[in-house]
Amino acid sequence: MSSQLRKTQFAISLNQLAHRQKQATVPEACPVNIGFGLGWYVYGFKDETIIGHTGANMGERTLAVFSPKKKNGLVVMANGANGNEVIYRIAESIGVHQGFIDIEKPKKK
């Protein structure tokens, strides 16, 4: 991949901060910038940028998230009605950015 394309990959092309603040479990945890990059969702927190992608079908949930700064990440695929609960417990236990957890973790019903 060219260096120019690599830069574009994580640049936010559509900022969704206002929209995400309305949906977030913990709205005050929202990053300064948040939106779509090239194939990834970009979370621009003050201290770190987190790159992620989620997916869902009936009974299936996925999460791919990584930190370019820390050079680490996580991919989790889960089956079952409580898949999101499992995914975000794992993410919390390994130290994924707490702001990411706070805005992405599904609200309890």
Protein backbone atom coordinates (compact mmCIF):
# COMPACT_ATOMS: atom_id res chain seq x y z
CA MET A 1 0.00 0.00 0.00
CA SER A 2 1.37 3.43 -0.90
CA SER A 3 2.18 5.88 1.91
CA GLN A 4 -0.44 8.31 0.54
CA LEU A 5 -3.14 5.64 0.64
CA ARG A 6 -2.00 4.64 4.13
CA LYS A 7 -2.51 8.25 5.33
CA THR A 8 -5.97 8.34 3.76
CA GLN A 9 -6.92 5.05 5.38
CA PHE A 10 -7.15 6.60 8.85
CA ALA A 11 -8.19 10.16 7.94
CA ILE A 12 -11.78 10.96 8.89
CA SER A 13 -13.78 11.73 5.78
CA LEU A 14 -17.19 12.01 7.46
CA ASN A 15 -17.20 13.34 11.03
CA GLN A 16 -20.03 11.82 13.07
CA LEU A 17 -19.38 13.37 16.47
CA ALA A 18 -22.86 14.88 16.96
CA HIS A 19 -24.58 11.67 15.87
CA ARG A 20 -22.42 9.45 18.09
CA GLN A 21 -22.87 11.67 21.16
CA LYS A 22 -26.61 10.98 20.96
CA GLN A 23 -26.08 7.18 20.80
CA ALA A 24 -23.14 6.71 23.16
CA THR A 25 -23.51 4.79 26.41
CA VAL A 26 -21.33 7.46 28.03
CA PRO A 27 -21.66 10.56 25.78
CA GLU A 28 -19.02 12.56 27.66
CA ALA A 29 -16.46 9.88 26.71
CA CYS A 30 -16.79 10.71 23.01
CA PRO A 31 -13.54 11.60 21.30
CA VAL A 32 -12.71 14.97 19.79
CA ASN A 33 -13.14 13.53 16.28
CA ILE A 34 -15.00 10.41 15.27
CA GLY A 35 -16.04 9.17 11.87
CA PHE A 36 -15.31 7.02 8.87
CA GLY A 37 -11.88 6.56 7.37
CA LEU A 38 -11.16 4.30 4.42
CA GLY A 39 -12.85 1.07 5.52
CA TRP A 40 -12.39 1.78 9.24
CA TYR A 41 -14.06 3.83 11.95
CA VAL A 42 -11.60 6.34 13.43
CA TYR A 43 -11.87 7.47 17.07
CA GLY A 44 -9.69 10.53 17.64
CA PHE A 45 -9.32 10.82 21.41
CA LYS A 46 -7.05 13.50 22.89
CA ASP A 47 -4.47 10.95 24.03
CA GLU A 48 -4.77 8.29 21.33
CA THR A 49 -6.38 7.37 18.02
CA ILE A 50 -8.26 4.09 17.99
CA ILE A 51 -9.18 2.35 14.73
CA GLY A 52 -12.11 -0.07 14.72
CA HIS A 53 -14.69 -1.98 12.81
CA THR A 54 -17.77 -3.81 14.10
CA GLY A 55 -20.26 -6.12 12.53
CA ALA A 56 -23.47 -7.90 13.39
CA ASN A 57 -26.04 -10.33 12.08
CA MET A 58 -28.78 -12.01 14.02
CA GLY A 59 -27.00 -13.79 16.85
CA GLU A 60 -23.50 -12.87 15.68
CA ARG A 61 -21.27 -9.96 16.74
CA THR A 62 -17.74 -8.95 15.78
CA LEU A 63 -15.19 -6.36 16.83
CA ALA A 64 -11.82 -5.48 15.34
CA VAL A 65 -10.00 -2.65 17.10
CA PHE A 66 -6.39 -1.50 17.23
CA SER A 67 -4.14 1.26 18.45
CA PRO A 68 -1.51 2.48 15.98
CA LYS A 69 0.29 4.23 18.88
CA LYS A 70 0.55 1.08 21.02
CA LYS A 71 0.82 -1.25 18.00
CA ASN A 72 -1.69 -3.69 19.45
CA GLY A 73 -5.25 -4.71 18.83
CA LEU A 74 -8.02 -7.22 19.21
CA VAL A 75 -10.34 -9.21 16.95
CA VAL A 76 -13.30 -10.99 18.55
CA MET A 77 -16.12 -12.92 16.90
CA ALA A 78 -19.02 -14.15 19.01
CA ASN A 79 -22.17 -16.18 18.49
CA GLY A 80 -25.20 -15.87 20.73
CA ALA A 81 -27.63 -13.35 22.08
CA ASN A 82 -25.10 -11.90 24.54
CA GLY A 83 -22.23 -11.62 22.03
CA ASN A 84 -21.72 -7.90 22.60
CA GLU A 85 -21.48 -8.39 26.36
CA VAL A 86 -18.75 -11.00 25.86
CA ILE A 87 -16.88 -8.90 23.30
CA TYR A 88 -16.76 -5.78 25.46
CA ARG A 89 -15.78 -7.71 28.60
CA ILE A 90 -12.81 -9.08 26.69
CA ALA A 91 -11.96 -5.61 25.33
CA GLU A 92 -12.08 -4.14 28.85
CA SER A 93 -10.01 -6.95 30.34
CA ILE A 94 -7.13 -6.48 27.91
CA GLY A 95 -7.07 -2.69 28.23
CA VAL A 96 -8.71 -1.34 25.06
CA HIS A 97 -9.03 2.46 25.39
CA GLN A 98 -11.73 3.15 28.00
CA GLY A 99 -13.26 5.94 25.92
CA PHE A 100 -13.82 3.47 23.11
CA ILE A 101 -15.48 1.02 25.52
CA ASP A 102 -17.65 3.77 27.01
CA ILE A 103 -19.10 4.88 23.68
CA GLU A 104 -19.33 1.52 21.92
CA LYS A 105 -20.49 -0.86 24.63
CA PRO A 106 -24.24 -1.42 24.16
CA LYS A 107 -26.55 0.19 26.67
CA LYS A 108 -28.20 -2.13 29.17
CA LYS A 109 -31.91 -2.50 28.53
